[in-house]
Amino acid sequence: MSKTREFVARDEVVAIFGGLTSSRTMAIGLVTNSSGLAVVSLTSTANSIFVGRENIFPTSFKDEQQGDALALYMRETLHKKKAALLYASTDAYSSSLAQTFAGAFERLGGKLAITRTFTQGETNFTPTLQDIKAASPDFIFAPVYATEIALIARQAKSLGIASSMLVGGDGWGNEVLLHGSTADLEGAVFANHYATDAPGERNARFVAAFRAAYGALPSVVNAAAYDGANVLANAIHQTRTPSRASVKVALNETKNYDGVTGTISFVNHVLRKPVFIVKIVGGNFRYVTAIP
């Protein structure tokens, strides 16, 4: 955090662009909060980051929002009634998202058929999956990371559990899943911040330009960084004579910015943007819909 403290000490620095993960952004927020220095974070999603820190402006939705959106999609769009929960009780992201989803799903009239937890580092999920299968849920919500869902999906398949029953959060959105695990996850859906095939001319131009420059498709982080940089640049431009206070105000006044990750607005320092629902199809992440 020495570099962050250096930025805080330099009056000509009016904002910080960065904070890729929740833990990193949390640390940056602790250092910058009293200075009035705005921080535009990228893919930090933990709800606790933003409590009491009105100087942090995320370009990615919080865990609370994706839990609510996934519950809405499963109940109102797919009309699923019974959910199984499978999450890591020792991981803040996994347990927080599981609890958020469960609360929202039940408020919408859904039921929890079974809840099972595990400790990070576990590799044998077969006994747990056998219990879940016996409970006959309509789907399994597993808000875990890509490496974990790859193991879970492989073992679920061996038990005859359809891969389309698996549902997850943005922790799945790592390209590692596209290398060897997609056959076990065909038809599974998860929440994500971005999809390369999302509709819109702006995204199409972004994907084409990125591919031309780097010979690959943009990742979630690439897209979040692109939107974050543009949101911050627009805010600085709006102030004319940038200062820490004026940039912070301008960021909070951002309304309906047409980003490649969705339309971005801030209301009382709280991000408003859609949650993308993505399906794994033929070895690729495919856009399904966006939940406001």
Protein backbone atom coordinates (compact mmCIF):
# COMPACT_ATOMS: atom_id res chain seq x y z
CA MET A 1 0.00 0.00 0.00
CA SER A 2 3.04 2.29 -0.09
CA LYS A 3 2.20 3.39 -3.64
CA THR A 4 -1.37 4.25 -2.61
CA ARG A 5 -0.06 6.36 0.28
CA GLU A 6 2.26 8.08 -2.17
CA PHE A 7 -0.69 8.96 -4.41
CA VAL A 8 -2.67 10.28 -1.43
CA ALA A 9 0.25 12.56 -0.51
CA ARG A 10 0.44 14.08 -4.00
CA ASP A 11 -2.15 16.84 -4.39
CA GLU A 12 -2.10 16.65 -8.20
CA VAL A 13 -3.50 13.09 -8.06
CA VAL A 14 -7.27 13.50 -8.29
CA ALA A 15 -8.32 9.82 -8.56
CA ILE A 16 -7.00 6.27 -8.51
CA PHE A 17 -7.88 3.79 -11.23
CA GLY A 18 -7.51 0.24 -10.01
CA GLY A 19 -8.29 -2.28 -7.38
CA LEU A 20 -8.82 -5.49 -9.32
CA THR A 21 -9.90 -7.77 -6.48
CA SER A 22 -12.08 -7.21 -3.44
CA SER A 23 -9.21 -7.63 -0.98
CA ARG A 24 -7.01 -5.17 -2.87
CA THR A 25 -9.77 -2.59 -3.18
CA MET A 26 -10.58 -2.96 0.51
CA ALA A 27 -6.97 -2.11 1.37
CA ILE A 28 -6.92 0.86 -1.03
CA GLY A 29 -10.19 2.10 0.47
CA LEU A 30 -8.77 2.05 3.99
CA VAL A 31 -5.88 4.28 2.90
CA THR A 32 -7.84 6.71 0.69
CA ASN A 33 -11.16 7.09 2.49
CA SER A 34 -10.27 10.13 4.59
CA SER A 35 -8.39 11.86 1.76
CA GLY A 36 -11.39 12.33 -0.54
CA LEU A 37 -9.46 10.63 -3.33
CA ALA A 38 -11.88 8.79 -5.61
CA VAL A 39 -11.11 5.16 -6.47
CA VAL A 40 -12.57 3.55 -9.61
CA SER A 41 -12.36 -0.21 -9.00
CA LEU A 42 -12.70 -2.93 -11.61
CA THR A 43 -13.96 -6.39 -10.61
CA SER A 44 -14.27 -5.96 -6.85
CA THR A 45 -17.67 -7.26 -5.73
CA ALA A 46 -17.69 -7.91 -1.96
CA ASN A 47 -20.51 -5.98 -0.27
CA SER A 48 -18.29 -4.95 2.68
CA ILE A 49 -15.90 -2.93 0.51
CA PHE A 50 -18.37 -0.11 0.04
CA VAL A 51 -19.73 0.26 3.56
CA GLY A 52 -18.80 3.73 4.80
CA ARG A 53 -16.57 4.39 1.77
CA GLU A 54 -18.26 6.86 -0.55
CA ASN A 55 -15.02 7.44 -2.42
CA ILE A 56 -15.07 4.00 -4.10
CA PHE A 57 -16.83 3.76 -7.47
CA PRO A 58 -17.02 0.18 -8.78
CA THR A 59 -17.57 -0.70 -12.42
CA SER A 60 -18.79 -4.20 -11.50
CA PHE A 61 -21.93 -5.16 -9.61
CA LYS A 62 -21.80 -6.25 -5.97
CA ASP A 63 -22.40 -9.79 -4.75
CA GLU A 64 -25.72 -8.66 -3.32
CA GLN A 65 -26.95 -7.58 -6.75
CA GLN A 66 -25.92 -10.74 -8.57
CA GLY A 67 -27.53 -12.93 -5.90
CA ASP A 68 -30.81 -11.08 -6.31
CA ALA A 69 -30.57 -11.19 -10.13
CA LEU A 70 -29.86 -14.92 -10.24
CA ALA A 71 -32.76 -15.65 -7.89
CA LEU A 72 -35.05 -13.56 -10.09
CA TYR A 73 -33.88 -15.33 -13.25
CA MET A 74 -34.30 -18.82 -11.81
CA ARG A 75 -37.77 -18.11 -10.35
CA GLU A 76 -39.38 -15.69 -12.77
CA THR A 77 -37.76 -16.66 -16.07
CA LEU A 78 -37.06 -20.39 -15.67
CA HIS A 79 -39.84 -20.96 -13.09
CA LYS A 80 -37.68 -23.17 -10.88
CA LYS A 81 -39.15 -24.02 -7.47
CA LYS A 82 -36.55 -25.99 -5.51
CA ALA A 83 -32.89 -25.11 -5.14
CA ALA A 84 -29.91 -26.92 -3.67
CA LEU A 85 -27.10 -24.79 -2.23
CA LEU A 86 -23.48 -25.90 -2.39
CA TYR A 87 -20.85 -23.43 -1.25
CA ALA A 88 -17.56 -22.98 0.60
CA SER A 89 -18.35 -22.00 4.19
CA THR A 90 -14.75 -20.87 4.69
CA ASP A 91 -14.81 -18.37 1.81
CA ALA A 92 -16.41 -14.94 2.27
CA TYR A 93 -17.39 -14.59 -1.39
CA SER A 94 -18.97 -18.03 -1.66
CA SER A 95 -20.90 -17.93 1.62
CA SER A 96 -22.06 -14.32 1.17
CA LEU A 97 -23.38 -14.94 -2.34
CA ALA A 98 -25.06 -18.19 -1.27
CA GLN A 99 -26.88 -16.45 1.57
CA THR A 100 -27.91 -13.51 -0.62
CA PHE A 101 -29.27 -15.83 -3.28
CA ALA A 102 -31.08 -18.04 -0.77
CA GLY A 103 -32.84 -15.09 0.84
CA ALA A 104 -33.93 -13.64 -2.49
CA PHE A 105 -35.05 -17.02 -3.86
CA GLU A 106 -37.22 -17.70 -0.81
CA ARG A 107 -38.74 -14.22 -0.92
CA LEU A 108 -39.79 -14.98 -4.49
CA GLY A 109 -41.56 -18.14 -3.37
CA GLY A 110 -38.78 -20.65 -3.99
CA LYS A 111 -37.76 -23.39 -1.57
CA LEU A 112 -34.37 -24.70 -0.46
CA ALA A 113 -34.39 -28.46 -0.90
CA ILE A 114 -30.97 -28.95 0.71
CA THR A 115 -27.91 -26.95 1.76
CA ARG A 116 -24.41 -28.40 1.84
CA THR A 117 -21.10 -26.67 2.54
CA PHE A 118 -17.46 -27.58 2.14
CA THR A 119 -14.05 -26.27 3.15
CA GLN A 120 -11.85 -24.66 0.52
CA GLY A 121 -9.29 -27.14 -0.71
CA GLU A 122 -11.66 -30.10 -0.69
CA THR A 123 -11.61 -32.20 -3.84
CA ASN A 124 -14.06 -35.04 -3.17
CA PHE A 125 -17.61 -33.76 -3.65
CA THR A 126 -19.22 -37.11 -4.50
CA PRO A 127 -20.83 -37.83 -1.09
CA THR A 128 -22.23 -34.29 -0.94
CA LEU A 129 -23.53 -34.51 -4.49
CA GLN A 130 -25.20 -37.84 -3.69
CA ASP A 131 -27.08 -36.13 -0.85
CA ILE A 132 -28.08 -33.30 -3.16
CA LYS A 133 -29.29 -35.68 -5.88
CA ALA A 134 -31.41 -37.53 -3.32
CA ALA A 135 -33.14 -34.23 -2.39
CA SER A 136 -34.39 -33.85 -5.99
CA PRO A 137 -33.78 -30.11 -6.47
CA ASP A 138 -34.60 -28.34 -9.72
CA PHE A 139 -31.09 -26.93 -9.83
CA ILE A 140 -27.88 -26.60 -7.81
CA PHE A 141 -26.62 -23.13 -6.97
CA ALA A 142 -22.86 -23.33 -6.48
CA PRO A 143 -21.30 -19.85 -6.02
CA VAL A 144 -17.71 -21.06 -6.17
CA TYR A 145 -14.62 -20.41 -8.27
CA ALA A 146 -13.76 -21.86 -11.68
CA THR A 147 -11.35 -24.50 -10.40
CA GLU A 148 -13.92 -25.72 -7.88
CA ILE A 149 -16.88 -25.89 -10.25
CA ALA A 150 -14.74 -27.85 -12.71
CA LEU A 151 -14.27 -30.57 -10.07
CA ILE A 152 -17.90 -30.41 -8.93
CA ALA A 153 -19.23 -30.66 -12.48
CA ARG A 154 -17.06 -33.65 -13.35
CA GLN A 155 -18.18 -35.55 -10.25
CA ALA A 156 -21.82 -34.52 -10.74
CA LYS A 157 -21.74 -35.89 -14.27
CA SER A 158 -20.46 -39.24 -13.01
CA LEU A 159 -23.54 -39.42 -10.74
CA GLY A 160 -25.93 -38.69 -13.57
CA ILE A 161 -26.65 -35.10 -12.54
CA ALA A 162 -27.31 -33.02 -15.67
CA SER A 163 -24.80 -30.24 -16.21
CA SER A 164 -27.68 -27.89 -17.05
CA MET A 165 -28.73 -28.11 -13.38
CA LEU A 166 -25.62 -26.20 -12.30
CA VAL A 167 -25.90 -22.45 -11.66
CA GLY A 168 -23.18 -20.10 -10.43
CA GLY A 169 -21.95 -16.58 -9.84
CA ASP A 170 -19.21 -14.50 -11.42
CA GLY A 171 -16.55 -16.70 -9.78
CA TRP A 172 -17.12 -19.07 -12.71
CA GLY A 173 -16.23 -16.40 -15.26
CA ASN A 174 -12.61 -17.40 -15.68
CA GLU A 175 -11.37 -18.54 -19.07
CA VAL A 176 -9.81 -21.57 -17.36
CA LEU A 177 -13.24 -23.18 -17.70
CA LEU A 178 -12.90 -22.99 -21.46
CA HIS A 179 -9.93 -25.34 -21.36
CA GLY A 180 -11.11 -28.86 -20.62
CA SER A 181 -14.15 -28.42 -18.39
CA THR A 182 -16.88 -27.13 -20.69
CA ALA A 183 -18.17 -30.58 -21.69
CA ASP A 184 -19.03 -31.18 -18.03
CA LEU A 185 -20.76 -27.81 -17.83
CA GLU A 186 -22.70 -27.73 -21.10
CA GLY A 187 -25.92 -25.79 -20.57
CA ALA A 188 -24.96 -24.44 -17.14
CA VAL A 189 -25.64 -20.76 -16.46
CA PHE A 190 -23.95 -18.17 -14.28
CA ALA A 191 -23.90 -14.44 -13.59
CA ASN A 192 -21.10 -12.42 -15.13
CA HIS A 193 -20.04 -8.84 -15.68
CA TYR A 194 -19.50 -9.21 -19.41
CA ALA A 195 -20.05 -11.39 -22.48
CA THR A 196 -18.21 -10.90 -25.74
CA ASP A 197 -21.39 -11.62 -27.73
CA ALA A 198 -23.60 -9.24 -25.75
CA PRO A 199 -25.79 -7.12 -28.05
CA GLY A 200 -24.94 -3.54 -28.91
CA GLU A 201 -22.85 -1.72 -31.48
CA ARG A 202 -20.41 -0.37 -28.88
CA ASN A 203 -19.53 -3.86 -27.68
CA ALA A 204 -19.18 -5.13 -31.24
CA ARG A 205 -16.69 -2.34 -32.01
CA PHE A 206 -14.80 -3.01 -28.78
CA VAL A 207 -14.49 -6.74 -29.49
CA ALA A 208 -13.34 -6.12 -33.07
CA ALA A 209 -10.76 -3.53 -32.02
CA PHE A 210 -9.45 -5.71 -29.19
CA ARG A 211 -9.15 -8.75 -31.44
CA ALA A 212 -7.32 -6.70 -34.08
CA ALA A 213 -4.87 -5.35 -31.50
CA TYR A 214 -4.23 -8.47 -29.42
CA GLY A 215 -5.39 -11.42 -31.51
CA ALA A 216 -7.81 -12.63 -28.83
CA LEU A 217 -11.21 -11.93 -27.38
CA PRO A 218 -11.42 -9.52 -24.44
CA SER A 219 -11.83 -10.95 -20.95
CA VAL A 220 -14.11 -9.70 -18.18
CA VAL A 221 -11.20 -7.77 -16.70
CA ASN A 222 -10.38 -6.19 -20.08
CA ALA A 223 -13.97 -5.04 -20.50
CA ALA A 224 -14.27 -3.74 -16.92
CA ALA A 225 -11.01 -1.83 -17.30
CA TYR A 226 -12.19 -0.31 -20.58
CA ASP A 227 -15.44 0.90 -19.04
CA GLY A 228 -13.79 2.06 -15.83
CA ALA A 229 -11.18 4.10 -17.67
CA ASN A 230 -13.84 5.75 -19.82
CA VAL A 231 -16.11 6.52 -16.86
CA LEU A 232 -13.20 8.16 -15.02
CA ALA A 233 -12.03 10.05 -18.12
CA ASN A 234 -15.56 11.37 -18.70
CA ALA A 235 -15.79 12.53 -15.09
CA ILE A 236 -12.46 14.35 -15.28
CA HIS A 237 -13.51 15.97 -18.56
CA GLN A 238 -16.79 17.16 -17.04
CA THR A 239 -15.04 18.99 -14.20
CA ARG A 240 -12.94 21.24 -16.48
CA THR A 241 -10.66 22.06 -13.53
CA PRO A 242 -10.22 18.66 -11.91
CA SER A 243 -9.79 18.35 -8.16
CA ARG A 244 -10.39 15.47 -5.80
CA ALA A 245 -13.71 16.91 -4.73
CA SER A 246 -14.94 17.79 -8.23
CA VAL A 247 -13.97 14.41 -9.73
CA LYS A 248 -15.73 12.60 -6.91
CA VAL A 249 -18.90 14.66 -7.54
CA ALA A 250 -18.68 14.10 -11.31
CA LEU A 251 -18.30 10.34 -10.88
CA ASN A 252 -21.38 10.26 -8.65
CA GLU A 253 -23.30 12.17 -11.32
CA THR A 254 -22.51 9.57 -14.00
CA LYS A 255 -25.81 8.56 -15.58
CA ASN A 256 -26.52 6.03 -18.33
CA TYR A 257 -22.95 5.64 -19.56
CA ASP A 258 -23.17 3.21 -22.48
CA GLY A 259 -20.50 0.71 -21.50
CA VAL A 260 -19.53 -2.61 -23.03
CA THR A 261 -20.41 -4.24 -19.69
CA GLY A 262 -23.81 -2.55 -19.62
CA THR A 263 -25.29 0.86 -18.91
CA ILE A 264 -23.54 2.40 -15.90
CA SER A 265 -25.02 4.93 -13.48
CA PHE A 266 -24.24 5.98 -9.92
CA VAL A 267 -27.00 6.92 -7.48
CA ASN A 268 -25.74 8.20 -4.13
CA HIS A 269 -22.42 6.48 -4.80
CA VAL A 270 -24.16 3.16 -5.50
CA LEU A 271 -23.59 1.52 -8.89
CA ARG A 272 -26.59 0.79 -11.07
CA LYS A 273 -25.92 -1.60 -13.96
CA PRO A 274 -27.33 -4.90 -15.27
CA VAL A 275 -26.17 -8.40 -14.37
CA PHE A 276 -25.40 -10.55 -17.41
CA ILE A 277 -26.68 -14.12 -17.43
CA VAL A 278 -24.28 -16.32 -19.40
CA LYS A 279 -24.66 -19.93 -20.57
CA ILE A 280 -21.87 -22.37 -21.39
CA VAL A 281 -22.57 -23.62 -24.91
CA GLY A 282 -20.22 -25.58 -27.16
CA GLY A 283 -17.14 -24.64 -25.19
CA ASN A 284 -17.94 -20.93 -25.04
CA PHE A 285 -19.56 -18.40 -22.74
CA ARG A 286 -22.74 -17.20 -24.47
CA TYR A 287 -24.87 -14.18 -23.55
CA VAL A 288 -28.44 -15.07 -22.53
CA THR A 289 -29.96 -11.93 -21.06
CA ALA A 290 -29.31 -8.98 -18.75
CA ILE A 291 -31.12 -8.49 -15.45
CA PRO A 292 -31.46 -4.75 -14.57
